[in-house]
Amino acid sequence: MADKILFVDDEPLVLDAFKRMLRDRFVTYTADSGEKGLIEARENGPFAVVISDMRMPGMNGAQFLAQIRKIAPDTVRMLLTGFTDLDAAIAAVNEGNIFRFLSKPCSKEDLLNAIRLGLALHRSTLVEKELVKKAHALEHPLVERAPSEICEWDNRQGPTGLPGPSQARELLGPLFGGDHQCYVALLKLTVLQTLEERYGEEAAADYLINAAHFLVQSLRSEDLLFHWGRYVLMAVVRRTVSPAAVRMEFARLTSAGSDHVMEINGRSTVIATTIDFDVKTVSQFATLGDLLAAFDPELSGRVDSKVEADR
């Protein structure tokens, strides 16, 4: 599949110039506002590279690219700026939201070089993630079980791309009763069911992906996140601090959830990312059934209704 580029600028002449400049080299999409750029990202993405003008009415370029980061964290993001926007551009780069910024007007040579570098970064990121995925599969092979015991999002087939309950069970099995530094957190997306009932499965899946991306980015690189139940995610982490400190860490993390922007009937609607959680120390329990029984049933979900067989 050819790499796709998205340009966002509120000046139609600039967008036309980009199209003419790049039409023989890349598959190019354009949008004349940040709001329309988000629609393009959801309907025609993911894009390898997204380039946005900084100064636009409504949502500016830095705000737009921050939303793109939530929708497609692997997309390489670039900002076009004039001299007067330089301080804001530097701040955006330093905060880690932008790969680089380009001066406006930007020469064809500089633009092409930046896109080539962005495409190289995007490809290397995808290759690295695939290698990590394969390495994880080799280290934690799935235990064979009847198809009826594997839920619909298991084995990385769900909308989040996260490993499912089978992998979580496989990982946790040897840890019960012994590892005092291993913690399990269940995180329930409290508004997800309401969104699904009111706006449909597609809107709910979009919200779920956004929340999963937020948690992946907020947790440490060595932490593991699983799609445990339909509305529930599971984090398995190692910490050398007290259980109270781990609970405080998750309290801060869940309270910092960013707002999710949805397009409903042609209008942007902001939905808060609300997450309920509970944390348990693995060493306190002898089996997975014991661990799940200690959680609120609203959090543990129904995925392991047959887990008593593990006792």
Foldseek 3Di string as FASTA:
>chain_A
DFAEEEEEALDVVVVVVVCVLPVVPGHYHYYNDLVVVVVCCVPPDDHLEYEYEQDDPDQGQLNSLQQNCLQPVLHAYEYEYEPVCVVVQVVSVVVPSHPYYAYPPHDSVRVVVVVVVSNVSSVVVVVVVVVVVVVLCVVQPFDDDDPVLADPCAPLNDLQSAHEDRSVQSVLVVPAQHQQFKKKKKKFQVCLVVCCVPPNDVRSSSLVNSLSSLVCVLDDVPKGWYPYDPGMIMIIDGDPDDPVVVVVSVVVSQVPFDWRWDQDPNDTDTHGRHMDMDMDGRSVGDAPVVVLVVDDCVRNDCSPVVRVVVD
